[in-house]
């Protein structure tokens, strides 16, 4: 509650990624506890240390990197020619 009141008093209303993109934020023991409780659902997520806080989050790969090799023209490959007399 104090953190929220301080932020509002300081007129700090910008989006902070550690709160909006993380599953858990806090002390190392808290974040480790959450990761253990999530069990298989936390697979691939890493605990990152930033300033004095720890965050449980999943690194986001570049969107284009996943699809670059799959782009291709399907034009004539999807065509059937009828023999009409």
PDB file of N, CA and C in Angstrom:
ATOM      1  N   UNK A   1       0.824  -1.187   0.000  1.00  0.00           N
ATOM      2  CA  UNK A   1       0.000   0.000   0.000  1.00  0.00           C
ATOM      3  C   UNK A   1       0.871   1.255   0.000  1.00  0.00           C
ATOM      4  N   UNK A   2       1.947   1.230   0.777  1.00  0.00           N
ATOM      5  CA  UNK A   2       2.849   2.387   0.847  1.00  0.00           C
ATOM      6  C   UNK A   2       3.511   2.651  -0.495  1.00  0.00           C
ATOM      7  N   UNK A   3       3.919   1.573  -1.185  1.00  0.00           N
ATOM      8  CA  UNK A   3       4.558   1.726  -2.492  1.00  0.00           C
ATOM      9  C   UNK A   3       3.612   2.383  -3.494  1.00  0.00           C
ATOM     10  N   UNK A   4       2.357   1.978  -3.481  1.00  0.00           N
ATOM     11  CA  UNK A   4       1.357   2.565  -4.383  1.00  0.00           C
ATOM     12  C   UNK A   4       1.149   4.029  -4.049  1.00  0.00           C
ATOM     13  N   UNK A   5       1.001   4.347  -2.775  1.00  0.00           N
ATOM     14  CA  UNK A   5       0.801   5.738  -2.366  1.00  0.00           C
ATOM     15  C   UNK A   5       1.995   6.612  -2.725  1.00  0.00           C
ATOM     16  N   UNK A   6       3.212   6.080  -2.567  1.00  0.00           N
ATOM     17  CA  UNK A   6       4.415   6.841  -2.939  1.00  0.00           C
ATOM     18  C   UNK A   6       4.443   7.114  -4.443  1.00  0.00           C
ATOM     19  N   UNK A   7       4.100   6.102  -5.237  1.00  0.00           N
ATOM     20  CA  UNK A   7       4.106   6.276  -6.692  1.00  0.00           C
ATOM     21  C   UNK A   7       3.074   7.300  -7.138  1.00  0.00           C
ATOM     22  N   UNK A   8       1.893   7.248  -6.531  1.00  0.00           N
ATOM     23  CA  UNK A   8       0.855   8.212  -6.887  1.00  0.00           C
ATOM     24  C   UNK A   8       1.231   9.625  -6.458  1.00  0.00           C
ATOM     25  N   UNK A   9       1.856   9.758  -5.290  1.00  0.00           N
ATOM     26  CA  UNK A   9       2.279  11.074  -4.806  1.00  0.00           C
ATOM     27  C   UNK A   9       3.379  11.655  -5.685  1.00  0.00           C
ATOM     28  N   UNK A  10       4.241  10.797  -6.224  1.00  0.00           N
ATOM     29  CA  UNK A  10       5.338  11.247  -7.085  1.00  0.00           C
ATOM     30  C   UNK A  10       4.884  11.430  -8.526  1.00  0.00           C
ATOM     31  N   UNK A  11       3.605  11.208  -8.789  1.00  0.00           N
ATOM     32  CA  UNK A  11       3.029  11.322 -10.132  1.00  0.00           C
ATOM     33  C   UNK A  11       3.737  10.399 -11.117  1.00  0.00           C
ATOM     34  N   UNK A  12       4.097   9.211 -10.641  1.00  0.00           N
ATOM     35  CA  UNK A  12       4.775   8.217 -11.465  1.00  0.00           C
ATOM     36  C   UNK A  12       3.741   7.216 -11.969  1.00  0.00           C
ATOM     37  N   UNK A  13       3.079   7.548 -13.067  1.00  0.00           N
ATOM     38  CA  UNK A  13       1.987   6.716 -13.582  1.00  0.00           C
ATOM     39  C   UNK A  13       2.361   5.965 -14.851  1.00  0.00           C
ATOM     40  N   UNK A  14       3.655   5.860 -15.139  1.00  0.00           N
ATOM     41  CA  UNK A  14       4.071   5.148 -16.343  1.00  0.00           C
ATOM     42  C   UNK A  14       4.085   3.637 -16.089  1.00  0.00           C
ATOM     43  N   UNK A  15       3.977   2.897 -17.147  1.00  0.00           N
ATOM     44  CA  UNK A  15       3.977   1.434 -17.071  1.00  0.00           C
ATOM     45  C   UNK A  15       5.362   0.952 -16.667  1.00  0.00           C
ATOM     46  N   UNK A  16       5.416   0.019 -15.731  1.00  0.00           N
ATOM     47  CA  UNK A  16       6.681  -0.546 -15.278  1.00  0.00           C
ATOM     48  C   UNK A  16       6.682  -2.034 -15.610  1.00  0.00           C
ATOM     49  N   UNK A  17       7.587  -2.430 -16.504  1.00  0.00           N
ATOM     50  CA  UNK A  17       7.564  -3.786 -17.044  1.00  0.00           C
ATOM     51  C   UNK A  17       7.756  -4.864 -15.982  1.00  0.00           C
ATOM     52  N   UNK A  18       8.471  -4.565 -14.904  1.00  0.00           N
ATOM     53  CA  UNK A  18       8.665  -5.611 -13.898  1.00  0.00           C
ATOM     54  C   UNK A  18       7.347  -6.043 -13.280  1.00  0.00           C
ATOM     55  N   UNK A  19       6.351  -5.171 -13.256  1.00  0.00           N
ATOM     56  CA  UNK A  19       5.048  -5.508 -12.693  1.00  0.00           C
ATOM     57  C   UNK A  19       4.097  -6.054 -13.738  1.00  0.00           C
ATOM     58  N   UNK A  20       4.208  -5.607 -14.968  1.00  0.00           N
ATOM     59  CA  UNK A  20       3.242  -6.006 -15.993  1.00  0.00           C
ATOM     60  C   UNK A  20       3.668  -7.227 -16.804  1.00  0.00           C
ATOM     61  N   UNK A  21       4.958  -7.566 -16.800  1.00  0.00           N
ATOM     62  CA  UNK A  21       5.441  -8.671 -17.621  1.00  0.00           C
ATOM     63  C   UNK A  21       5.985  -9.835 -16.794  1.00  0.00           C
ATOM     64  N   UNK A  22       5.905  -9.753 -15.486  1.00  0.00           N
ATOM     65  CA  UNK A  22       6.446 -10.792 -14.614  1.00  0.00           C
ATOM     66  C   UNK A  22       5.325 -11.594 -13.959  1.00  0.00           C
ATOM     67  N   UNK A  23       5.640 -12.827 -13.641  1.00  0.00           N
ATOM     68  CA  UNK A  23       4.693 -13.673 -12.929  1.00  0.00           C
ATOM     69  C   UNK A  23       4.760 -13.367 -11.441  1.00  0.00           C
ATOM     70  N   UNK A  24       5.987 -13.120 -10.937  1.00  0.00           N
ATOM     71  CA  UNK A  24       6.176 -12.802  -9.520  1.00  0.00           C
ATOM     72  C   UNK A  24       7.313 -11.812  -9.386  1.00  0.00           C
ATOM     73  N   UNK A  25       7.187 -10.889  -8.447  1.00  0.00           N
ATOM     74  CA  UNK A  25       8.214  -9.890  -8.167  1.00  0.00           C
ATOM     75  C   UNK A  25       8.353  -9.781  -6.663  1.00  0.00           C
ATOM     76  N   UNK A  26       9.604  -9.755  -6.187  1.00  0.00           N
ATOM     77  CA  UNK A  26       9.823  -9.598  -4.750  1.00  0.00           C
ATOM     78  C   UNK A  26      11.172 -10.133  -4.340  1.00  0.00           C
ATOM     79  N   UNK A  27      11.248 -10.644  -3.118  1.00  0.00           N
ATOM     80  CA  UNK A  27      12.506 -11.185  -2.614  1.00  0.00           C
ATOM     81  C   UNK A  27      12.820 -12.492  -3.333  1.00  0.00           C
ATOM     82  N   UNK A  28      14.080 -12.897  -3.244  1.00  0.00           N
ATOM     83  CA  UNK A  28      14.493 -14.120  -3.921  1.00  0.00           C
ATOM     84  C   UNK A  28      13.724 -15.330  -3.385  1.00  0.00           C
ATOM     85  N   UNK A  29      13.547 -15.407  -2.078  1.00  0.00           N
ATOM     86  CA  UNK A  29      12.838 -16.550  -1.498  1.00  0.00           C
ATOM     87  C   UNK A  29      11.372 -16.576  -1.931  1.00  0.00           C
ATOM     88  N   UNK A  30      10.729 -15.398  -2.025  1.00  0.00           N
ATOM     89  CA  UNK A  30       9.335 -15.334  -2.477  1.00  0.00           C
ATOM     90  C   UNK A  30       9.205 -15.824  -3.912  1.00  0.00           C
ATOM     91  N   UNK A  31      10.073 -15.344  -4.795  1.00  0.00           N
ATOM     92  CA  UNK A  31      10.001 -15.710  -6.215  1.00  0.00           C
ATOM     93  C   UNK A  31      10.306 -17.200  -6.392  1.00  0.00           C
ATOM     94  N   UNK A  32      11.277 -17.733  -5.643  1.00  0.00           N
ATOM     95  CA  UNK A  32      11.576 -19.163  -5.721  1.00  0.00           C
ATOM     96  C   UNK A  32      10.394 -20.001  -5.239  1.00  0.00           C
ATOM     97  N   UNK A  33       9.710 -19.547  -4.181  1.00  0.00           N
ATOM     98  CA  UNK A  33       8.533 -20.246  -3.673  1.00  0.00           C
ATOM     99  C   UNK A  33       7.432 -20.294  -4.724  1.00  0.00           C
ATOM    100  N   UNK A  34       7.182 -19.171  -5.387  1.00  0.00           N
ATOM    101  CA  UNK A  34       6.156 -19.117  -6.438  1.00  0.00           C
ATOM    102  C   UNK A  34       6.529 -20.046  -7.586  1.00  0.00           C
ATOM    103  N   UNK A  35       7.796 -20.045  -7.977  1.00  0.00           N
ATOM    104  CA  UNK A  35       8.237 -20.921  -9.072  1.00  0.00           C
ATOM    105  C   UNK A  35       8.037 -22.383  -8.696  1.00  0.00           C
ATOM    106  N   UNK A  36       8.371 -22.743  -7.466  1.00  0.00           N
ATOM    107  CA  UNK A  36       8.175 -24.127  -7.015  1.00  0.00           C
ATOM    108  C   UNK A  36       6.700 -24.497  -6.979  1.00  0.00           C
ATOM    109  N   UNK A  37       5.858 -23.581  -6.557  1.00  0.00           N
ATOM    110  CA  UNK A  37       4.424 -23.855  -6.501  1.00  0.00           C
ATOM    111  C   UNK A  37       3.814 -24.003  -7.892  1.00  0.00           C
ATOM    112  N   UNK A  38       4.345 -23.287  -8.854  1.00  0.00           N
ATOM    113  CA  UNK A  38       3.847 -23.386 -10.228  1.00  0.00           C
ATOM    114  C   UNK A  38       4.294 -24.671 -10.904  1.00  0.00           C
ATOM    115  N   UNK A  39       5.337 -25.287 -10.377  1.00  0.00           N
ATOM    116  CA  UNK A  39       5.827 -26.580 -10.836  1.00  0.00           C
ATOM    117  C   UNK A  39       6.053 -26.589 -12.350  1.00  0.00           C
ATOM    118  N   UNK A  40       5.354 -27.439 -13.050  1.00  0.00           N
ATOM    119  CA  UNK A  40       5.531 -27.602 -14.495  1.00  0.00           C
ATOM    120  C   UNK A  40       5.131 -26.346 -15.274  1.00  0.00           C
ATOM    121  N   UNK A  41       4.241 -25.549 -14.729  1.00  0.00           N
ATOM    122  CA  UNK A  41       3.796 -24.328 -15.415  1.00  0.00           C
ATOM    123  C   UNK A  41       4.878 -23.252 -15.439  1.00  0.00           C
ATOM    124  N   UNK A  42       5.912 -23.398 -14.606  1.00  0.00           N
ATOM    125  CA  UNK A  42       7.005 -22.426 -14.574  1.00  0.00           C
ATOM    126  C   UNK A  42       8.198 -22.895 -15.399  1.00  0.00           C
ATOM    127  N   UNK A  43       8.039 -23.983 -16.120  1.00  0.00           N
ATOM    128  CA  UNK A  43       9.134 -24.511 -16.933  1.00  0.00           C
ATOM    129  C   UNK A  43       9.541 -23.482 -17.988  1.00  0.00           C
ATOM    130  N   UNK A  44      10.837 -23.240 -18.101  1.00  0.00           N
ATOM    131  CA  UNK A  44      11.351 -22.282 -19.077  1.00  0.00           C
ATOM    132  C   UNK A  44      11.385 -20.854 -18.581  1.00  0.00           C
ATOM    133  N   UNK A  45      10.858 -20.608 -17.405  1.00  0.00           N
ATOM    134  CA  UNK A  45      10.875 -19.262 -16.845  1.00  0.00           C
ATOM    135  C   UNK A  45      12.078 -19.120 -15.936  1.00  0.00           C
ATOM    136  N   UNK A  46      12.699 -17.952 -15.963  1.00  0.00           N
ATOM    137  CA  UNK A  46      13.926 -17.719 -15.209  1.00  0.00           C
ATOM    138  C   UNK A  46      13.705 -16.683 -14.121  1.00  0.00           C
ATOM    139  N   UNK A  47      14.487 -16.824 -13.065  1.00  0.00           N
ATOM    140  CA  UNK A  47      14.486 -15.818 -12.006  1.00  0.00           C
ATOM    141  C   UNK A  47      15.580 -14.813 -12.345  1.00  0.00           C
ATOM    142  N   UNK A  48      15.175 -13.571 -12.538  1.00  0.00           N
ATOM    143  CA  UNK A  48      16.107 -12.498 -12.889  1.00  0.00           C
ATOM    144  C   UNK A  48      16.242 -11.533 -11.722  1.00  0.00           C
ATOM    145  N   UNK A  49      17.464 -11.061 -11.503  1.00  0.00           N
ATOM    146  CA  UNK A  49      17.692 -10.061 -10.460  1.00  0.00           C
ATOM    147  C   UNK A  49      17.822  -8.697 -11.115  1.00  0.00           C
ATOM    148  N   UNK A  50      17.030  -7.753 -10.643  1.00  0.00           N
ATOM    149  CA  UNK A  50      17.074  -6.399 -11.176  1.00  0.00           C
ATOM    150  C   UNK A  50      17.002  -5.432 -10.007  1.00  0.00           C
ATOM    151  N   UNK A  51      18.034  -4.626  -9.869  1.00  0.00           N
ATOM    152  CA  UNK A  51      18.181  -3.720  -8.734  1.00  0.00           C
ATOM    153  C   UNK A  51      18.130  -4.540  -7.442  1.00  0.00           C
ATOM    154  N   UNK A  52      17.161  -4.302  -6.605  1.00  0.00           N
ATOM    155  CA  UNK A  52      17.059  -5.037  -5.339  1.00  0.00           C
ATOM    156  C   UNK A  52      15.973  -6.103  -5.384  1.00  0.00           C
ATOM    157  N   UNK A  53      15.245  -6.191  -6.487  1.00  0.00           N
ATOM    158  CA  UNK A  53      14.134  -7.124  -6.612  1.00  0.00           C
ATOM    159  C   UNK A  53      14.511  -8.315  -7.486  1.00  0.00           C
ATOM    160  N   UNK A  54      13.743  -9.364  -7.340  1.00  0.00           N
ATOM    161  CA  UNK A  54      13.858 -10.533  -8.196  1.00  0.00           C
ATOM    162  C   UNK A  54      12.546 -10.692  -8.939  1.00  0.00           C
ATOM    163  N   UNK A  55      12.638 -11.221 -10.178  1.00  0.00           N
ATOM    164  CA  UNK A  55      11.449 -11.372 -11.014  1.00  0.00           C
ATOM    165  C   UNK A  55      11.431 -12.765 -11.620  1.00  0.00           C
ATOM    166  N   UNK A  56      10.253 -13.360 -11.681  1.00  0.00           N
ATOM    167  CA  UNK A  56      10.063 -14.619 -12.385  1.00  0.00           C
ATOM    168  C   UNK A  56       9.383 -14.279 -13.698  1.00  0.00           C
ATOM    169  N   UNK A  57      10.107 -14.503 -14.791  1.00  0.00           N
ATOM    170  CA  UNK A  57       9.531 -14.160 -16.086  1.00  0.00           C
ATOM    171  C   UNK A  57      10.079 -15.066 -17.166  1.00  0.00           C
ATOM    172  N   UNK A  58       9.411 -15.034 -18.289  1.00  0.00           N
ATOM    173  CA  UNK A  58       9.807 -15.819 -19.456  1.00  0.00           C
ATOM    174  C   UNK A  58      10.372 -14.858 -20.487  1.00  0.00           C
ATOM    175  N   UNK A  59      11.540 -15.189 -21.018  1.00  0.00           N
ATOM    176  CA  UNK A  59      12.121 -14.329 -22.037  1.00  0.00           C
ATOM    177  C   UNK A  59      11.325 -14.475 -23.323  1.00  0.00           C
ATOM    178  N   UNK A  60      11.040 -13.349 -23.947  1.00  0.00           N
ATOM    179  CA  UNK A  60      10.245 -13.345 -25.172  1.00  0.00           C
ATOM    180  C   UNK A  60      11.175 -13.362 -26.385  1.00  0.00           C
ATOM    181  N   UNK A  61      11.089 -14.391 -27.228  1.00  0.00           N
ATOM    182  CA  UNK A  61      11.910 -14.411 -28.437  1.00  0.00           C
ATOM    183  C   UNK A  61      11.388 -13.397 -29.448  1.00  0.00           C
ATOM    184  N   UNK A  62      12.250 -12.998 -30.334  1.00  0.00           N
ATOM    185  CA  UNK A  62      11.842 -12.076 -31.393  1.00  0.00           C
ATOM    186  C   UNK A  62      10.792 -12.737 -32.273  1.00  0.00           C
ATOM    187  N   UNK A  63       9.728 -12.033 -32.581  1.00  0.00           N
ATOM    188  CA  UNK A  63       8.625 -12.588 -33.368  1.00  0.00           C
ATOM    189  C   UNK A  63       9.095 -13.015 -34.755  1.00  0.00           C
ATOM    190  N   UNK A  64       9.869 -12.180 -35.433  1.00  0.00           N
ATOM    191  CA  UNK A  64      10.297 -12.490 -36.793  1.00  0.00           C
ATOM    192  C   UNK A  64      11.262 -13.659 -36.846  1.00  0.00           C
ATOM    193  N   UNK A  65      12.039 -13.861 -35.787  1.00  0.00           N
ATOM    194  CA  UNK A  65      13.012 -14.939 -35.777  1.00  0.00           C
ATOM    195  C   UNK A  65      12.373 -16.311 -35.869  1.00  0.00           C
ATOM    196  N   UNK A  66      11.158 -16.447 -35.445  1.00  0.00           N
ATOM    197  CA  UNK A  66      10.483 -17.736 -35.453  1.00  0.00           C
ATOM    198  C   UNK A  66       9.990 -18.093 -36.850  1.00  0.00           C
ATOM    199  N   UNK A  67       9.603 -17.116 -37.638  1.00  0.00           N
ATOM    200  CA  UNK A  67       8.936 -17.374 -38.908  1.00  0.00           C
ATOM    201  C   UNK A  67       9.773 -17.098 -40.152  1.00  0.00           C
ATOM    202  N   UNK A  68      10.995 -16.602 -40.023  1.00  0.00           N
ATOM    203  CA  UNK A  68      11.770 -16.226 -41.204  1.00  0.00           C
ATOM    204  C   UNK A  68      11.928 -17.363 -42.210  1.00  0.00           C
ATOM    205  N   UNK A  69      12.245 -18.568 -41.764  1.00  0.00           N
ATOM    206  CA  UNK A  69      12.479 -19.671 -42.677  1.00  0.00           C
ATOM    207  C   UNK A  69      11.208 -20.256 -43.262  1.00  0.00           C
ATOM    208  N   UNK A  70      10.049 -19.865 -42.813  1.00  0.00           N
ATOM    209  CA  UNK A  70       8.797 -20.456 -43.263  1.00  0.00           C
ATOM    210  C   UNK A  70       8.058 -19.592 -44.279  1.00  0.00           C
ATOM    211  N   UNK A  71       8.569 -18.442 -44.585  1.00  0.00           N
ATOM    212  CA  UNK A  71       7.890 -17.565 -45.545  1.00  0.00           C
ATOM    213  C   UNK A  71       8.160 -18.069 -46.959  1.00  0.00           C
ATOM    214  N   UNK A  72       7.111 -18.250 -47.719  1.00  0.00           N
ATOM    215  CA  UNK A  72       7.265 -18.723 -49.087  1.00  0.00           C
ATOM    216  C   UNK A  72       5.974 -18.440 -49.844  1.00  0.00           C
ATOM    217  N   UNK A  73       6.088 -18.282 -51.147  1.00  0.00           N
ATOM    218  CA  UNK A  73       4.915 -18.060 -51.979  1.00  0.00           C
ATOM    219  C   UNK A  73       4.260 -19.405 -52.267  1.00  0.00           C
ATOM    220  N   UNK A  74       2.965 -19.510 -52.023  1.00  0.00           N
ATOM    221  CA  UNK A  74       2.262 -20.774 -52.268  1.00  0.00           C
ATOM    222  C   UNK A  74       1.431 -20.710 -53.544  1.00  0.00           C
ATOM    223  N   UNK A  75       1.599 -19.667 -54.316  1.00  0.00           N
ATOM    224  CA  UNK A  75       0.802 -19.423 -55.509  1.00  0.00           C
ATOM    225  C   UNK A  75       0.410 -20.637 -56.327  1.00  0.00           C
ATOM    226  N   UNK A  76       1.245 -21.122 -57.239  1.00  0.00           N
ATOM    227  CA  UNK A  76       0.877 -22.181 -58.178  1.00  0.00           C
ATOM    228  C   UNK A  76       0.872 -23.565 -57.533  1.00  0.00           C
ATOM    229  N   UNK A  77       1.434 -23.722 -56.394  1.00  0.00           N
ATOM    230  CA  UNK A  77       1.474 -25.024 -55.735  1.00  0.00           C
ATOM    231  C   UNK A  77       0.087 -25.465 -55.279  1.00  0.00           C
ATOM    232  N   UNK A  78      -0.809 -24.531 -55.163  1.00  0.00           N
ATOM    233  CA  UNK A  78      -2.147 -24.834 -54.659  1.00  0.00           C
ATOM    234  C   UNK A  78      -3.172 -24.713 -55.798  1.00  0.00           C
ATOM    235  N   UNK A  79      -2.788 -25.189 -56.996  1.00  0.00           N
ATOM    236  CA  UNK A  79      -3.642 -25.038 -58.167  1.00  0.00           C
ATOM    237  C   UNK A  79      -3.904 -26.393 -58.809  1.00  0.00           C
ATOM    238  N   UNK A  80      -5.134 -26.594 -59.259  1.00  0.00           N
ATOM    239  CA  UNK A  80      -5.490 -27.804 -59.996  1.00  0.00           C
ATOM    240  C   UNK A  80      -6.093 -27.371 -61.315  1.00  0.00           C
ATOM    241  N   UNK A  81      -5.505 -27.846 -62.407  1.00  0.00           N
ATOM    242  CA  UNK A  81      -5.995 -27.478 -63.729  1.00  0.00           C
ATOM    243  C   UNK A  81      -6.983 -28.515 -64.237  1.00  0.00           C
ATOM    244  N   UNK A  82      -8.149 -28.075 -64.670  1.00  0.00           N
ATOM    245  CA  UNK A  82      -9.192 -28.963 -65.185  1.00  0.00           C
ATOM    246  C   UNK A  82      -8.997 -29.176 -66.678  1.00  0.00           C
ATOM    247  N   UNK A  83      -9.277 -30.361 -67.112  1.00  0.00           N
ATOM    248  CA  UNK A  83      -9.252 -30.645 -68.547  1.00  0.00           C
ATOM    249  C   UNK A  83     -10.665 -30.421 -69.082  1.00  0.00           C
ATOM    250  N   UNK A  84     -10.941 -29.233 -69.541  1.00  0.00           N
ATOM    251  CA  UNK A  84     -12.256 -28.891 -70.054  1.00  0.00           C
ATOM    252  C   UNK A  84     -12.180 -28.856 -71.573  1.00  0.00           C
ATOM    253  N   UNK A  85     -13.058 -29.619 -72.224  1.00  0.00           N
ATOM    254  CA  UNK A  85     -13.062 -29.671 -73.687  1.00  0.00           C
ATOM    255  C   UNK A  85     -14.087 -28.759 -74.269  1.00  0.00           C
TER     256      UNK A  85
END
